[in-house]
Amino acid sequence: MGPAAAAERTERIRLTSSVTVLGSEDPVRVWEQLATIDLLSAGRAEIIAGRAARAT
């Protein structure tokens, strides 16, 4: 079940992503999606963001 579906079916649980690597995704699109889910869930959405880094 995706976060939007969980937001629709629940009232109290927090909706958290696993780590979102902003280097592999468009950061603006990620924040737009989070904002949408946050509105649908009445402020229960959370994100854990990380930046991409190369292993040395």
C-alpha atoms as a PDB file:
ATOM      1  CA  MET A   1       0.000   0.000   0.000  1.00  0.00           C
ATOM      2  CA  GLY A   2       1.404   3.388  -0.963  1.00  0.00           C
ATOM      3  CA  PRO A   3       1.489   6.404   1.330  1.00  0.00           C
ATOM      4  CA  ALA A   4      -1.467   8.090  -0.392  1.00  0.00           C
ATOM      5  CA  ALA A   5      -3.630   4.985   0.057  1.00  0.00           C
ATOM      6  CA  ALA A   6      -2.525   4.667   3.692  1.00  0.00           C
ATOM      7  CA  ALA A   7      -3.379   8.342   4.273  1.00  0.00           C
ATOM      8  CA  GLU A   8      -6.868   7.719   2.940  1.00  0.00           C
ATOM      9  CA  ARG A   9      -7.505   4.636   5.095  1.00  0.00           C
ATOM     10  CA  THR A  10      -5.931   5.709   8.391  1.00  0.00           C
ATOM     11  CA  GLU A  11      -6.166   8.658  10.771  1.00  0.00           C
ATOM     12  CA  ARG A  12      -3.316   8.418  13.263  1.00  0.00           C
ATOM     13  CA  ILE A  13      -0.272   6.608  11.865  1.00  0.00           C
ATOM     14  CA  ARG A  14       2.692   8.606  10.633  1.00  0.00           C
ATOM     15  CA  LEU A  15       3.545   8.103   6.977  1.00  0.00           C
ATOM     16  CA  THR A  16       7.305   7.755   6.586  1.00  0.00           C
ATOM     17  CA  SER A  17       9.415   6.974   3.553  1.00  0.00           C
ATOM     18  CA  SER A  18      12.434   4.783   3.553  1.00  0.00           C
ATOM     19  CA  VAL A  19      15.588   6.751   2.715  1.00  0.00           C
ATOM     20  CA  THR A  20      15.018   8.848  -0.403  1.00  0.00           C
ATOM     21  CA  VAL A  21      18.294   9.494  -2.222  1.00  0.00           C
ATOM     22  CA  LEU A  22      17.872  12.946  -3.702  1.00  0.00           C
ATOM     23  CA  GLY A  23      20.795  12.477  -6.114  1.00  0.00           C
ATOM     24  CA  SER A  24      18.891   9.792  -8.028  1.00  0.00           C
ATOM     25  CA  GLU A  25      15.523  11.598  -8.090  1.00  0.00           C
ATOM     26  CA  ASP A  26      14.446  15.080  -9.118  1.00  0.00           C
ATOM     27  CA  PRO A  27      14.408  16.902  -5.740  1.00  0.00           C
ATOM     28  CA  VAL A  28      11.564  19.230  -6.762  1.00  0.00           C
ATOM     29  CA  ARG A  29       9.368  16.291  -7.782  1.00  0.00           C
ATOM     30  CA  VAL A  30      10.162  14.469  -4.523  1.00  0.00           C
ATOM     31  CA  TRP A  31       9.135  17.504  -2.445  1.00  0.00           C
ATOM     32  CA  GLU A  32       5.983  18.031  -4.536  1.00  0.00           C
ATOM     33  CA  GLN A  33       4.957  14.413  -3.954  1.00  0.00           C
ATOM     34  CA  LEU A  34       5.693  14.708  -0.237  1.00  0.00           C
ATOM     35  CA  ALA A  35       3.666  17.935  -0.021  1.00  0.00           C
ATOM     36  CA  THR A  36       0.704  16.239  -1.706  1.00  0.00           C
ATOM     37  CA  ILE A  37       0.813  13.267   0.658  1.00  0.00           C
ATOM     38  CA  ASP A  38       1.247  15.629   3.606  1.00  0.00           C
ATOM     39  CA  LEU A  39      -1.928  17.495   2.601  1.00  0.00           C
ATOM     40  CA  LEU A  40      -3.874  14.256   2.097  1.00  0.00           C
ATOM     41  CA  SER A  41      -2.759  12.960   5.497  1.00  0.00           C
ATOM     42  CA  ALA A  42      -3.324  16.199   7.457  1.00  0.00           C
ATOM     43  CA  GLY A  43       0.370  16.666   8.237  1.00  0.00           C
ATOM     44  CA  ARG A  44       1.385  13.063   9.000  1.00  0.00           C
ATOM     45  CA  ALA A  45       3.930  12.631   6.182  1.00  0.00           C
ATOM     46  CA  GLU A  46       7.639  12.438   6.984  1.00  0.00           C
ATOM     47  CA  ILE A  47      10.658  11.962   4.738  1.00  0.00           C
ATOM     48  CA  ILE A  48      14.156  10.692   5.378  1.00  0.00           C
ATOM     49  CA  ALA A  49      16.357  12.257   2.712  1.00  0.00           C
ATOM     50  CA  GLY A  50      19.951  11.560   1.857  1.00  0.00           C
ATOM     51  CA  ARG A  51      22.320  12.808  -0.766  1.00  0.00           C
ATOM     52  CA  ALA A  52      24.031  10.544  -3.210  1.00  0.00           C
ATOM     53  CA  ALA A  53      27.682   9.789  -2.671  1.00  0.00           C
ATOM     54  CA  ARG A  54      30.147   7.572  -4.438  1.00  0.00           C
ATOM     55  CA  ALA A  55      31.737   4.714  -2.613  1.00  0.00           C
ATOM     56  CA  THR A  56      35.513   5.045  -2.578  1.00  0.00           C
END
